[in-house]
Amino acid sequence: METIWFFLWTLLWAVYFILDGFDLGMGTLMPFVAANDHERRVIYNAQGPYWDGNEVWLITAGGVTFAAFPNAYAVMFSALYAPLLILLFCLIFRAVAFEFRGKGDSCTWIFSWDVCMTLGSFLPALLLGVAFANLFMGIPIDANGVYHGNILKLLNPYGLAGGVLFVIMFCYHGALWLELKSEGNLQAKALKAARVLWPLLLALVLLFLALTGHYTESFVRLAQHPAAYAALALAVIGLVGSRLALNNCTLVAWLCSALFILGLTFFGVFGMYPGIILSSIDPAYSITVFNASSSPLTLKIMLTVTLCAVPVVLLYQAWVYWTFAHKVTKETLKDEHSY
C-alpha cells in the first residue's frame, strides 16, 4: 500500500508539472515573445480558463503528502520552508495579476502586474526544480528530521541545474501551448521560441542526467528496479516525438512534451525509492515510504476516496479544456470576462 501511494504521489506531481507547467512557461516567456499589450493579453487569456484548476493539483500533491506520508510532510515543509514560502507568495501575486491588471489604465499599473506575472511564473519554476533536485541528492537532516542548513545550501550546482532545467522545460511546454492558442505574429514567435528551446532542453537534460550520476545514487537505486527505466524511455520518446511533430502538428508536439515531463518526473522520483526525503548526513536518517506513512487503514480509505473523486475532477477539467479549446482572437478579447 505504501508503494502504491508513492506511485500516486509521483503521479500527482507529474500532472501538476504538465498542467501548470505551460502556465508558468508562458508567463516566463511573456517579455520575450509579446511585443505589445494585445499580445500580452493573449498570453493572459491563453491560460486564463485553466490556471486556477491547474494549481489545484499542487494543493492535491501537498495534501496527499500530508495525509499519506505525514512524517515526510513535516520534514519537507520545515526543511524547505523558505523556498516554499517564496513559491507561495509568487503564486499569490501571479494570481492577483490576472484579476488586477485590467483594473487600471496607466502604463505603470499594467507594467507592475506584468512584472508580477513574469516573476510569479519564473521563480516557482526555478524553485520547484531546485527543491526536487535537492531531494534527489539528499538534504542534511538528522535522526530527528531536523534540517541542518539554510536556503543557500539548496542553491548548490546540482540544485541550480535542476532549477534551470525546470524553467526551460516549462518554457518549451508553454511555447507549444501558446502556439496552439494564438494566431498571426505571436503564433509565429511561439513556434520560433519552441524551436530555439528544444535543443537547449535536450542539452540540459543530458547535463542533468550526468550530474545526477555524479551527485546522487539514483542510478544505483534504479538498477535494483530496472522497470523504472521505462519512465526514462517515455521521456526520450516524448522529447524526440515533440520535436518531430513540431512542424506538423502542435497539439501532438504538446502531448509529447507532456509525456516527456511525465516520464522525467517518474524517473527522477523513482530514483529516490523507497526514500521520500534522503539524508545527506546518514542514509539511516532518511525518510522513507515505510517509516513516514500513515496507518494501513488510513491508506486504504484514502485510496478508495481517491479512486472515486479523481476521475470526477479529471472529467470536469477535460470539459473545461474542451470548452475553451478555441484560439484567443481579437474577438474573444472583447468579451467582458477576458483579462
C-alpha atoms as a PDB file:
ATOM      1  CA  MET A   1       0.000   0.000   0.000  1.00  0.00           C
ATOM      2  CA  GLU A   2       2.875   2.403   0.771  1.00  0.00           C
ATOM      3  CA  THR A   3       4.366   1.784  -2.664  1.00  0.00           C
ATOM      4  CA  ILE A   4       1.009   2.378  -4.345  1.00  0.00           C
ATOM      5  CA  TRP A   5       0.743   5.741  -2.627  1.00  0.00           C
ATOM      6  CA  PHE A   6       4.325   6.593  -3.573  1.00  0.00           C
ATOM      7  CA  PHE A   7       3.313   5.968  -7.191  1.00  0.00           C
ATOM      8  CA  LEU A   8       0.192   8.123  -6.823  1.00  0.00           C
ATOM      9  CA  TRP A   9       2.189  10.852  -5.082  1.00  0.00           C
ATOM     10  CA  THR A  10       4.613  10.909  -8.013  1.00  0.00           C
ATOM     11  CA  LEU A  11       1.734  10.943 -10.494  1.00  0.00           C
ATOM     12  CA  LEU A  12       0.131  13.954  -8.818  1.00  0.00           C
ATOM     13  CA  TRP A  13       3.365  15.928  -9.057  1.00  0.00           C
ATOM     14  CA  ALA A  14       3.751  14.900 -12.698  1.00  0.00           C
ATOM     15  CA  VAL A  15       0.197  16.040 -13.509  1.00  0.00           C
ATOM     16  CA  TYR A  16       0.867  19.364 -11.792  1.00  0.00           C
ATOM     17  CA  PHE A  17       4.095  19.875 -13.738  1.00  0.00           C
ATOM     18  CA  ILE A  18       2.309  19.088 -17.010  1.00  0.00           C
ATOM     19  CA  LEU A  19      -0.713  21.305 -16.445  1.00  0.00           C
ATOM     20  CA  ASP A  20       0.644  24.278 -14.530  1.00  0.00           C
ATOM     21  CA  GLY A  21       3.964  23.935 -16.359  1.00  0.00           C
ATOM     22  CA  PHE A  22       2.627  25.531 -19.529  1.00  0.00           C
ATOM     23  CA  ASP A  23       1.132  28.390 -17.487  1.00  0.00           C
ATOM     24  CA  LEU A  24       4.438  29.078 -15.766  1.00  0.00           C
ATOM     25  CA  GLY A  25       6.270  28.708 -19.065  1.00  0.00           C
ATOM     26  CA  MET A  26       4.079  31.247 -20.879  1.00  0.00           C
ATOM     27  CA  GLY A  27       4.392  33.726 -18.028  1.00  0.00           C
ATOM     28  CA  THR A  28       8.172  33.385 -18.084  1.00  0.00           C
ATOM     29  CA  LEU A  29       8.314  33.790 -21.874  1.00  0.00           C
ATOM     30  CA  MET A  30       5.990  36.801 -21.970  1.00  0.00           C
ATOM     31  CA  PRO A  31       8.696  39.535 -22.012  1.00  0.00           C
ATOM     32  CA  PHE A  32      10.494  37.732 -24.838  1.00  0.00           C
ATOM     33  CA  VAL A  33       7.600  36.938 -27.196  1.00  0.00           C
ATOM     34  CA  ALA A  34       4.962  39.605 -26.503  1.00  0.00           C
ATOM     35  CA  ALA A  35       5.748  42.894 -28.223  1.00  0.00           C
ATOM     36  CA  ASN A  36       2.627  44.855 -27.271  1.00  0.00           C
ATOM     37  CA  ASP A  37      -0.351  44.903 -24.925  1.00  0.00           C
ATOM     38  CA  HIS A  38      -2.521  42.879 -27.295  1.00  0.00           C
ATOM     39  CA  GLU A  39      -0.017  40.008 -27.373  1.00  0.00           C
ATOM     40  CA  ARG A  40       0.393  40.132 -23.612  1.00  0.00           C
ATOM     41  CA  ARG A  41      -3.388  39.908 -23.208  1.00  0.00           C
ATOM     42  CA  VAL A  42      -3.389  36.880 -25.486  1.00  0.00           C
ATOM     43  CA  ILE A  43      -0.892  35.197 -23.159  1.00  0.00           C
ATOM     44  CA  TYR A  44      -3.044  36.045 -20.127  1.00  0.00           C
ATOM     45  CA  ASN A  45      -6.160  34.656 -21.772  1.00  0.00           C
ATOM     46  CA  ALA A  46      -4.381  31.588 -23.168  1.00  0.00           C
ATOM     47  CA  GLN A  47      -4.039  30.437 -19.566  1.00  0.00           C
ATOM     48  CA  GLY A  48      -6.984  32.298 -18.059  1.00  0.00           C
ATOM     49  CA  PRO A  49      -9.592  29.488 -18.072  1.00  0.00           C
ATOM     50  CA  TYR A  50      -7.153  26.885 -16.795  1.00  0.00           C
ATOM     51  CA  TRP A  51      -4.574  28.276 -14.369  1.00  0.00           C
ATOM     52  CA  ASP A  52      -6.618  28.034 -11.161  1.00  0.00           C
ATOM     53  CA  GLY A  53      -7.730  24.481 -11.958  1.00  0.00           C
ATOM     54  CA  ASN A  54      -4.159  23.535 -12.800  1.00  0.00           C
ATOM     55  CA  GLU A  55      -2.893  24.761  -9.443  1.00  0.00           C
ATOM     56  CA  VAL A  56      -5.403  22.534  -7.669  1.00  0.00           C
ATOM     57  CA  TRP A  57      -3.019  19.673  -8.447  1.00  0.00           C
ATOM     58  CA  LEU A  58      -0.297  21.412  -6.414  1.00  0.00           C
ATOM     59  CA  ILE A  59      -2.660  21.555  -3.449  1.00  0.00           C
ATOM     60  CA  THR A  60      -3.609  17.926  -4.045  1.00  0.00           C
ATOM     61  CA  ALA A  61       0.040  16.830  -4.129  1.00  0.00           C
ATOM     62  CA  GLY A  62       0.699  18.681  -0.885  1.00  0.00           C
ATOM     63  CA  GLY A  63      -2.450  17.266   0.695  1.00  0.00           C
ATOM     64  CA  VAL A  64      -1.525  13.712  -0.272  1.00  0.00           C
ATOM     65  CA  THR A  65       1.929  14.247   1.230  1.00  0.00           C
ATOM     66  CA  PHE A  66       0.280  15.318   4.483  1.00  0.00           C
ATOM     67  CA  ALA A  67      -2.279  12.513   4.559  1.00  0.00           C
ATOM     68  CA  ALA A  68      -0.282   9.570   3.200  1.00  0.00           C
ATOM     69  CA  PHE A  69       3.201  10.455   4.461  1.00  0.00           C
ATOM     70  CA  PRO A  70       2.759  12.835   7.427  1.00  0.00           C
ATOM     71  CA  ASN A  71       6.329  12.425   8.689  1.00  0.00           C
ATOM     72  CA  ALA A  72       7.686  13.307   5.264  1.00  0.00           C
ATOM     73  CA  TYR A  73       5.335  16.295   5.107  1.00  0.00           C
ATOM     74  CA  ALA A  74       6.576  17.585   8.465  1.00  0.00           C
ATOM     75  CA  VAL A  75      10.241  17.313   7.491  1.00  0.00           C
ATOM     76  CA  MET A  76       9.789  18.567   3.922  1.00  0.00           C
ATOM     77  CA  PHE A  77       7.796  21.650   4.806  1.00  0.00           C
ATOM     78  CA  SER A  78      10.178  22.600   7.605  1.00  0.00           C
ATOM     79  CA  ALA A  79      13.432  21.899   5.740  1.00  0.00           C
ATOM     80  CA  LEU A  80      12.211  23.618   2.576  1.00  0.00           C
ATOM     81  CA  TYR A  81      10.244  26.293   4.426  1.00  0.00           C
ATOM     82  CA  ALA A  82      11.988  29.309   2.871  1.00  0.00           C
ATOM     83  CA  PRO A  83      11.728  28.273  -0.802  1.00  0.00           C
ATOM     84  CA  LEU A  84       8.159  27.025  -0.324  1.00  0.00           C
ATOM     85  CA  LEU A  85       7.163  30.327   1.292  1.00  0.00           C
ATOM     86  CA  ILE A  86       8.686  32.247  -1.633  1.00  0.00           C
ATOM     87  CA  LEU A  87       6.858  29.891  -4.004  1.00  0.00           C
ATOM     88  CA  LEU A  88       3.575  30.587  -2.215  1.00  0.00           C
ATOM     89  CA  PHE A  89       3.947  34.367  -2.399  1.00  0.00           C
ATOM     90  CA  CYS A  90       4.920  34.171  -6.071  1.00  0.00           C
ATOM     91  CA  LEU A  91       1.787  32.179  -6.880  1.00  0.00           C
ATOM     92  CA  ILE A  92      -0.343  34.617  -4.861  1.00  0.00           C
ATOM     93  CA  PHE A  93       0.980  37.679  -6.709  1.00  0.00           C
ATOM     94  CA  ARG A  94       0.651  35.814 -10.003  1.00  0.00           C
ATOM     95  CA  ALA A  95      -2.994  35.040  -9.253  1.00  0.00           C
ATOM     96  CA  VAL A  96      -3.684  38.645  -8.270  1.00  0.00           C
ATOM     97  CA  ALA A  97      -2.086  39.829 -11.533  1.00  0.00           C
ATOM     98  CA  PHE A  98      -4.825  38.054 -13.506  1.00  0.00           C
ATOM     99  CA  GLU A  99      -7.559  39.953 -11.690  1.00  0.00           C
ATOM    100  CA  PHE A 100      -5.949  43.362 -11.119  1.00  0.00           C
ATOM    101  CA  ARG A 101      -4.096  44.007 -14.386  1.00  0.00           C
ATOM    102  CA  GLY A 102      -7.218  45.192 -16.188  1.00  0.00           C
ATOM    103  CA  LYS A 103      -8.471  47.330 -13.293  1.00  0.00           C
ATOM    104  CA  GLY A 104      -6.306  50.323 -14.229  1.00  0.00           C
ATOM    105  CA  ASP A 105      -5.307  52.103 -17.397  1.00  0.00           C
ATOM    106  CA  SER A 106      -1.942  53.624 -16.520  1.00  0.00           C
ATOM    107  CA  CYS A 107       1.220  52.151 -18.039  1.00  0.00           C
ATOM    108  CA  THR A 108       2.815  51.877 -14.594  1.00  0.00           C
ATOM    109  CA  TRP A 109      -0.124  49.883 -13.235  1.00  0.00           C
ATOM    110  CA  ILE A 110      -0.164  47.441 -16.148  1.00  0.00           C
ATOM    111  CA  PHE A 111       3.628  47.101 -16.222  1.00  0.00           C
ATOM    112  CA  SER A 112       3.739  46.344 -12.475  1.00  0.00           C
ATOM    113  CA  TRP A 113       1.307  43.461 -12.801  1.00  0.00           C
ATOM    114  CA  ASP A 114       3.108  42.154 -15.873  1.00  0.00           C
ATOM    115  CA  VAL A 115       6.290  42.039 -13.778  1.00  0.00           C
ATOM    116  CA  CYS A 116       4.377  40.125 -11.104  1.00  0.00           C
ATOM    117  CA  MET A 117       3.175  37.685 -13.761  1.00  0.00           C
ATOM    118  CA  THR A 118       6.678  37.123 -15.134  1.00  0.00           C
ATOM    119  CA  LEU A 119       8.424  36.778 -11.767  1.00  0.00           C
ATOM    120  CA  GLY A 120       5.471  34.826 -10.369  1.00  0.00           C
ATOM    121  CA  SER A 121       5.968  32.325 -13.182  1.00  0.00           C
ATOM    122  CA  PHE A 122       9.770  32.197 -13.392  1.00  0.00           C
ATOM    123  CA  LEU A 123      10.538  31.873  -9.678  1.00  0.00           C
ATOM    124  CA  PRO A 124       8.119  28.983  -8.959  1.00  0.00           C
ATOM    125  CA  ALA A 125       9.553  27.035 -11.902  1.00  0.00           C
ATOM    126  CA  LEU A 126      13.085  27.677 -10.662  1.00  0.00           C
ATOM    127  CA  LEU A 127      12.278  26.867  -7.033  1.00  0.00           C
ATOM    128  CA  LEU A 128      10.442  23.646  -7.884  1.00  0.00           C
ATOM    129  CA  GLY A 129      13.463  22.460  -9.849  1.00  0.00           C
ATOM    130  CA  VAL A 130      15.867  23.418  -7.071  1.00  0.00           C
ATOM    131  CA  ALA A 131      13.702  21.699  -4.447  1.00  0.00           C
ATOM    132  CA  PHE A 132      13.315  18.417  -6.315  1.00  0.00           C
ATOM    133  CA  ALA A 133      16.964  18.287  -7.348  1.00  0.00           C
ATOM    134  CA  ASN A 134      17.962  18.634  -3.701  1.00  0.00           C
ATOM    135  CA  LEU A 135      15.504  15.907  -2.735  1.00  0.00           C
ATOM    136  CA  PHE A 136      17.105  13.629  -5.343  1.00  0.00           C
ATOM    137  CA  MET A 137      20.559  14.407  -3.943  1.00  0.00           C
ATOM    138  CA  GLY A 138      19.626  14.393  -0.272  1.00  0.00           C
ATOM    139  CA  ILE A 139      19.441  17.194   2.264  1.00  0.00           C
ATOM    140  CA  PRO A 140      21.160  17.437   5.668  1.00  0.00           C
ATOM    141  CA  ILE A 141      18.558  16.106   8.094  1.00  0.00           C
ATOM    142  CA  ASP A 142      19.427  14.317  11.321  1.00  0.00           C
ATOM    143  CA  ALA A 143      17.802  11.355  13.048  1.00  0.00           C
ATOM    144  CA  ASN A 144      15.010  13.616  14.348  1.00  0.00           C
ATOM    145  CA  GLY A 145      14.290  15.031  10.907  1.00  0.00           C
ATOM    146  CA  VAL A 146      15.802  18.414  11.790  1.00  0.00           C
ATOM    147  CA  TYR A 147      17.247  20.268   8.815  1.00  0.00           C
ATOM    148  CA  HIS A 148      20.837  21.467   9.309  1.00  0.00           C
ATOM    149  CA  GLY A 149      21.181  24.084   6.625  1.00  0.00           C
ATOM    150  CA  ASN A 150      19.639  27.148   5.008  1.00  0.00           C
ATOM    151  CA  ILE A 151      18.315  28.257   1.652  1.00  0.00           C
ATOM    152  CA  LEU A 152      21.836  28.970   0.390  1.00  0.00           C
ATOM    153  CA  LYS A 153      22.772  25.301   0.821  1.00  0.00           C
ATOM    154  CA  LEU A 154      19.958  24.447  -1.543  1.00  0.00           C
ATOM    155  CA  LEU A 155      21.494  26.681  -4.211  1.00  0.00           C
ATOM    156  CA  ASN A 156      24.270  24.202  -4.961  1.00  0.00           C
ATOM    157  CA  PRO A 157      25.353  23.343  -8.528  1.00  0.00           C
ATOM    158  CA  TYR A 158      23.052  20.332  -8.781  1.00  0.00           C
ATOM    159  CA  GLY A 159      20.095  22.213  -7.308  1.00  0.00           C
ATOM    160  CA  LEU A 160      20.606  25.148  -9.678  1.00  0.00           C
ATOM    161  CA  ALA A 161      20.916  22.748 -12.615  1.00  0.00           C
ATOM    162  CA  GLY A 162      17.537  21.297 -11.659  1.00  0.00           C
ATOM    163  CA  GLY A 163      16.072  24.784 -11.397  1.00  0.00           C
ATOM    164  CA  VAL A 164      17.302  25.831 -14.841  1.00  0.00           C
ATOM    165  CA  LEU A 165      16.083  22.535 -16.317  1.00  0.00           C
ATOM    166  CA  PHE A 166      12.573  23.126 -14.938  1.00  0.00           C
ATOM    167  CA  VAL A 167      12.500  26.700 -16.245  1.00  0.00           C
ATOM    168  CA  ILE A 168      13.493  25.686 -19.784  1.00  0.00           C
ATOM    169  CA  MET A 169      11.236  22.607 -19.701  1.00  0.00           C
ATOM    170  CA  PHE A 170       8.223  24.716 -18.708  1.00  0.00           C
ATOM    171  CA  CYS A 171       9.113  27.446 -21.214  1.00  0.00           C
ATOM    172  CA  TYR A 172       9.206  24.909 -24.049  1.00  0.00           C
ATOM    173  CA  HIS A 173       5.920  23.395 -22.853  1.00  0.00           C
ATOM    174  CA  GLY A 174       4.402  26.881 -22.608  1.00  0.00           C
ATOM    175  CA  ALA A 175       5.647  27.925 -26.055  1.00  0.00           C
ATOM    176  CA  LEU A 176       3.836  24.955 -27.585  1.00  0.00           C
ATOM    177  CA  TRP A 177       0.618  25.817 -25.743  1.00  0.00           C
ATOM    178  CA  LEU A 178       0.900  29.463 -26.820  1.00  0.00           C
ATOM    179  CA  GLU A 179       1.293  28.372 -30.427  1.00  0.00           C
ATOM    180  CA  LEU A 180      -1.908  26.337 -30.054  1.00  0.00           C
ATOM    181  CA  LYS A 181      -3.881  29.238 -28.581  1.00  0.00           C
ATOM    182  CA  SER A 182      -2.590  32.199 -30.593  1.00  0.00           C
ATOM    183  CA  GLU A 183      -2.567  33.295 -34.202  1.00  0.00           C
ATOM    184  CA  GLY A 184      -0.599  35.528 -36.544  1.00  0.00           C
ATOM    185  CA  ASN A 185       2.691  37.055 -35.470  1.00  0.00           C
ATOM    186  CA  LEU A 186       2.509  35.826 -31.881  1.00  0.00           C
ATOM    187  CA  GLN A 187       1.930  32.263 -33.052  1.00  0.00           C
ATOM    188  CA  ALA A 188       4.994  32.504 -35.307  1.00  0.00           C
ATOM    189  CA  LYS A 189       7.101  33.813 -32.421  1.00  0.00           C
ATOM    190  CA  ALA A 190       5.861  30.998 -30.156  1.00  0.00           C
ATOM    191  CA  LEU A 191       6.893  28.427 -32.761  1.00  0.00           C
ATOM    192  CA  LYS A 192      10.291  30.083 -33.135  1.00  0.00           C
ATOM    193  CA  ALA A 193      10.747  30.057 -29.343  1.00  0.00           C
ATOM    194  CA  ALA A 194       9.916  26.346 -29.216  1.00  0.00           C
ATOM    195  CA  ARG A 195      12.456  25.603 -31.945  1.00  0.00           C
ATOM    196  CA  VAL A 196      15.139  27.526 -30.072  1.00  0.00           C
ATOM    197  CA  LEU A 197      14.298  25.993 -26.693  1.00  0.00           C
ATOM    198  CA  TRP A 198      14.215  22.333 -27.792  1.00  0.00           C
ATOM    199  CA  PRO A 199      17.990  21.835 -28.346  1.00  0.00           C
ATOM    200  CA  LEU A 200      18.664  23.790 -25.156  1.00  0.00           C
ATOM    201  CA  LEU A 201      16.276  21.499 -23.287  1.00  0.00           C
ATOM    202  CA  LEU A 202      17.964  18.423 -24.734  1.00  0.00           C
ATOM    203  CA  ALA A 203      21.389  19.682 -23.647  1.00  0.00           C
ATOM    204  CA  LEU A 204      20.124  20.454 -20.136  1.00  0.00           C
ATOM    205  CA  VAL A 205      18.533  17.011 -19.790  1.00  0.00           C
ATOM    206  CA  LEU A 206      21.808  15.327 -20.742  1.00  0.00           C
ATOM    207  CA  LEU A 207      23.740  17.593 -18.372  1.00  0.00           C
ATOM    208  CA  PHE A 208      21.291  16.945 -15.537  1.00  0.00           C
ATOM    209  CA  LEU A 209      21.492  13.181 -16.041  1.00  0.00           C
ATOM    210  CA  ALA A 210      25.295  13.381 -15.942  1.00  0.00           C
ATOM    211  CA  LEU A 211      25.162  15.471 -12.756  1.00  0.00           C
ATOM    212  CA  THR A 212      22.646  13.033 -11.298  1.00  0.00           C
ATOM    213  CA  GLY A 213      25.169  10.229 -11.753  1.00  0.00           C
ATOM    214  CA  HIS A 214      27.811  12.353 -10.018  1.00  0.00           C
ATOM    215  CA  TYR A 215      25.850  13.906  -7.151  1.00  0.00           C
ATOM    216  CA  THR A 216      23.275  11.221  -6.351  1.00  0.00           C
ATOM    217  CA  GLU A 217      22.877   7.480  -6.037  1.00  0.00           C
ATOM    218  CA  SER A 218      19.728   7.451  -8.137  1.00  0.00           C
ATOM    219  CA  PHE A 219      21.149   5.150 -10.807  1.00  0.00           C
ATOM    220  CA  VAL A 220      22.291   2.689  -8.145  1.00  0.00           C
ATOM    221  CA  ARG A 221      18.776   2.529  -6.706  1.00  0.00           C
ATOM    222  CA  LEU A 222      17.197   2.367 -10.158  1.00  0.00           C
ATOM    223  CA  ALA A 223      19.431  -0.582 -11.048  1.00  0.00           C
ATOM    224  CA  GLN A 224      17.557  -2.547  -8.390  1.00  0.00           C
ATOM    225  CA  HIS A 225      14.288  -1.795 -10.184  1.00  0.00           C
ATOM    226  CA  PRO A 226      15.064  -1.952 -13.930  1.00  0.00           C
ATOM    227  CA  ALA A 227      11.378  -1.465 -14.788  1.00  0.00           C
ATOM    228  CA  ALA A 228      11.780   2.150 -13.670  1.00  0.00           C
ATOM    229  CA  TYR A 229      13.867   2.763 -16.785  1.00  0.00           C
ATOM    230  CA  ALA A 230      10.597   2.533 -18.708  1.00  0.00           C
ATOM    231  CA  ALA A 231       9.942   6.036 -17.380  1.00  0.00           C
ATOM    232  CA  LEU A 232      13.193   7.230 -18.946  1.00  0.00           C
ATOM    233  CA  ALA A 233      12.153   5.585 -22.214  1.00  0.00           C
ATOM    234  CA  LEU A 234       8.862   7.509 -22.087  1.00  0.00           C
ATOM    235  CA  ALA A 235      10.780  10.741 -21.516  1.00  0.00           C
ATOM    236  CA  VAL A 236      13.040  10.072 -24.504  1.00  0.00           C
ATOM    237  CA  ILE A 237      10.088   9.170 -26.744  1.00  0.00           C
ATOM    238  CA  GLY A 238       8.237  12.290 -25.610  1.00  0.00           C
ATOM    239  CA  LEU A 239      11.178  14.652 -26.157  1.00  0.00           C
ATOM    240  CA  VAL A 240      12.086  13.279 -29.581  1.00  0.00           C
ATOM    241  CA  GLY A 241       8.451  12.954 -30.642  1.00  0.00           C
ATOM    242  CA  SER A 242       7.776  16.532 -29.639  1.00  0.00           C
ATOM    243  CA  ARG A 243      10.494  17.834 -31.931  1.00  0.00           C
ATOM    244  CA  LEU A 244       9.409  15.607 -34.829  1.00  0.00           C
ATOM    245  CA  ALA A 245       5.809  16.832 -34.540  1.00  0.00           C
ATOM    246  CA  LEU A 246       6.738  20.481 -34.017  1.00  0.00           C
ATOM    247  CA  ASN A 247       6.477  21.456 -37.686  1.00  0.00           C
ATOM    248  CA  ASN A 248       3.410  19.347 -38.456  1.00  0.00           C
ATOM    249  CA  CYS A 249       1.009  19.212 -35.509  1.00  0.00           C
ATOM    250  CA  THR A 250       1.460  21.431 -32.472  1.00  0.00           C
ATOM    251  CA  LEU A 251      -1.110  19.515 -30.424  1.00  0.00           C
ATOM    252  CA  VAL A 252       0.844  16.275 -30.903  1.00  0.00           C
ATOM    253  CA  ALA A 253       4.052  18.146 -30.045  1.00  0.00           C
ATOM    254  CA  TRP A 254       2.451  19.449 -26.821  1.00  0.00           C
ATOM    255  CA  LEU A 255       1.159  15.985 -25.880  1.00  0.00           C
ATOM    256  CA  CYS A 256       4.629  14.539 -26.490  1.00  0.00           C
ATOM    257  CA  SER A 257       6.081  17.300 -24.307  1.00  0.00           C
ATOM    258  CA  ALA A 258       3.601  16.274 -21.602  1.00  0.00           C
ATOM    259  CA  LEU A 259       4.753  12.667 -21.988  1.00  0.00           C
ATOM    260  CA  PHE A 260       8.348  13.847 -21.595  1.00  0.00           C
ATOM    261  CA  ILE A 261       7.519  15.654 -18.344  1.00  0.00           C
ATOM    262  CA  LEU A 262       5.608  12.617 -17.077  1.00  0.00           C
ATOM    263  CA  GLY A 263       8.495  10.237 -17.822  1.00  0.00           C
ATOM    264  CA  LEU A 264      11.176  12.546 -16.438  1.00  0.00           C
ATOM    265  CA  THR A 265       9.231  13.093 -13.203  1.00  0.00           C
ATOM    266  CA  PHE A 266       8.745   9.379 -12.613  1.00  0.00           C
ATOM    267  CA  PHE A 267      12.360   8.626 -13.461  1.00  0.00           C
ATOM    268  CA  GLY A 268      13.656  11.267 -11.066  1.00  0.00           C
ATOM    269  CA  VAL A 269      11.335  10.477  -8.158  1.00  0.00           C
ATOM    270  CA  PHE A 270      11.693   6.711  -8.526  1.00  0.00           C
ATOM    271  CA  GLY A 271      15.426   7.278  -8.188  1.00  0.00           C
ATOM    272  CA  MET A 272      14.733   8.062  -4.514  1.00  0.00           C
ATOM    273  CA  TYR A 273      12.596   4.973  -3.785  1.00  0.00           C
ATOM    274  CA  PRO A 274      11.989   3.859  -1.098  1.00  0.00           C
ATOM    275  CA  GLY A 275      13.110   7.254   0.158  1.00  0.00           C
ATOM    276  CA  ILE A 276      10.985  10.374   0.039  1.00  0.00           C
ATOM    277  CA  ILE A 277      13.475  12.654   1.787  1.00  0.00           C
ATOM    278  CA  LEU A 278      17.032  11.384   1.665  1.00  0.00           C
ATOM    279  CA  SER A 279      19.508  12.400   4.359  1.00  0.00           C
ATOM    280  CA  SER A 280      22.941  13.553   3.223  1.00  0.00           C
ATOM    281  CA  ILE A 281      24.224  13.205   6.798  1.00  0.00           C
ATOM    282  CA  ASP A 282      23.495   9.498   7.150  1.00  0.00           C
ATOM    283  CA  PRO A 283      21.308   7.308   4.895  1.00  0.00           C
ATOM    284  CA  ALA A 284      19.855   5.757   8.053  1.00  0.00           C
ATOM    285  CA  TYR A 285      18.209   9.114   8.826  1.00  0.00           C
ATOM    286  CA  SER A 286      16.301   9.156   5.529  1.00  0.00           C
ATOM    287  CA  ILE A 287      12.518   9.444   5.497  1.00  0.00           C
ATOM    288  CA  THR A 288      11.099   6.525   3.516  1.00  0.00           C
ATOM    289  CA  VAL A 289       7.659   5.437   2.379  1.00  0.00           C
ATOM    290  CA  PHE A 290       7.678   2.866   5.156  1.00  0.00           C
ATOM    291  CA  ASN A 291       8.709   4.965   8.165  1.00  0.00           C
ATOM    292  CA  ALA A 292       6.733   8.046   7.066  1.00  0.00           C
ATOM    293  CA  SER A 293       3.392   6.580   6.015  1.00  0.00           C
ATOM    294  CA  SER A 294       0.026   6.702   7.720  1.00  0.00           C
ATOM    295  CA  SER A 295      -1.621   3.545   9.042  1.00  0.00           C
ATOM    296  CA  PRO A 296      -2.651   0.859   6.504  1.00  0.00           C
ATOM    297  CA  LEU A 297      -6.325   1.554   7.247  1.00  0.00           C
ATOM    298  CA  THR A 298      -5.877   5.262   6.515  1.00  0.00           C
ATOM    299  CA  LEU A 299      -4.104   4.493   3.244  1.00  0.00           C
ATOM    300  CA  LYS A 300      -6.885   2.098   2.186  1.00  0.00           C
ATOM    301  CA  ILE A 301      -9.638   4.610   2.969  1.00  0.00           C
ATOM    302  CA  MET A 302      -7.745   7.344   1.124  1.00  0.00           C
ATOM    303  CA  LEU A 303      -7.252   5.095  -1.882  1.00  0.00           C
ATOM    304  CA  THR A 304     -10.990   4.372  -2.066  1.00  0.00           C
ATOM    305  CA  VAL A 305     -11.861   8.074  -1.860  1.00  0.00           C
ATOM    306  CA  THR A 306      -9.184   8.967  -4.421  1.00  0.00           C
ATOM    307  CA  LEU A 307     -10.349   6.375  -6.939  1.00  0.00           C
ATOM    308  CA  CYS A 308     -13.865   7.807  -6.673  1.00  0.00           C
ATOM    309  CA  ALA A 309     -13.052  11.531  -6.632  1.00  0.00           C
ATOM    310  CA  VAL A 310     -10.109  11.934  -9.021  1.00  0.00           C
ATOM    311  CA  PRO A 311     -11.976  10.671 -12.133  1.00  0.00           C
ATOM    312  CA  VAL A 312     -14.677  13.294 -11.468  1.00  0.00           C
ATOM    313  CA  VAL A 313     -12.045  16.028 -11.246  1.00  0.00           C
ATOM    314  CA  LEU A 314     -10.386  14.789 -14.427  1.00  0.00           C
ATOM    315  CA  LEU A 315     -13.709  14.741 -16.296  1.00  0.00           C
ATOM    316  CA  TYR A 316     -14.507  18.274 -15.169  1.00  0.00           C
ATOM    317  CA  GLN A 317     -11.085  19.549 -16.154  1.00  0.00           C
ATOM    318  CA  ALA A 318     -11.311  17.768 -19.514  1.00  0.00           C
ATOM    319  CA  TRP A 319     -14.648  19.539 -20.073  1.00  0.00           C
ATOM    320  CA  VAL A 320     -13.017  22.909 -19.301  1.00  0.00           C
ATOM    321  CA  TYR A 321     -10.201  22.266 -21.766  1.00  0.00           C
ATOM    322  CA  TRP A 322     -12.705  21.168 -24.420  1.00  0.00           C
ATOM    323  CA  THR A 323     -14.979  24.170 -23.853  1.00  0.00           C
ATOM    324  CA  PHE A 324     -12.144  26.687 -24.159  1.00  0.00           C
ATOM    325  CA  ALA A 325     -10.226  24.869 -26.881  1.00  0.00           C
ATOM    326  CA  HIS A 326     -10.630  27.766 -29.315  1.00  0.00           C
ATOM    327  CA  LYS A 327      -7.833  30.181 -30.081  1.00  0.00           C
ATOM    328  CA  VAL A 328      -7.567  33.551 -28.373  1.00  0.00           C
ATOM    329  CA  THR A 329      -8.519  36.118 -31.029  1.00  0.00           C
ATOM    330  CA  LYS A 330      -9.328  39.825 -31.131  1.00  0.00           C
ATOM    331  CA  GLU A 331     -12.997  38.898 -30.874  1.00  0.00           C
ATOM    332  CA  THR A 332     -12.546  36.810 -27.724  1.00  0.00           C
ATOM    333  CA  LEU A 333     -10.536  39.610 -26.110  1.00  0.00           C
ATOM    334  CA  LYS A 334     -13.582  41.889 -26.472  1.00  0.00           C
ATOM    335  CA  ASP A 335     -15.502  39.651 -24.053  1.00  0.00           C
ATOM    336  CA  GLU A 336     -16.158  41.380 -20.730  1.00  0.00           C
ATOM    337  CA  HIS A 337     -14.826  38.351 -18.874  1.00  0.00           C
ATOM    338  CA  SER A 338     -11.454  38.352 -20.651  1.00  0.00           C
ATOM    339  CA  TYR A 339      -8.307  39.529 -18.898  1.00  0.00           C
END
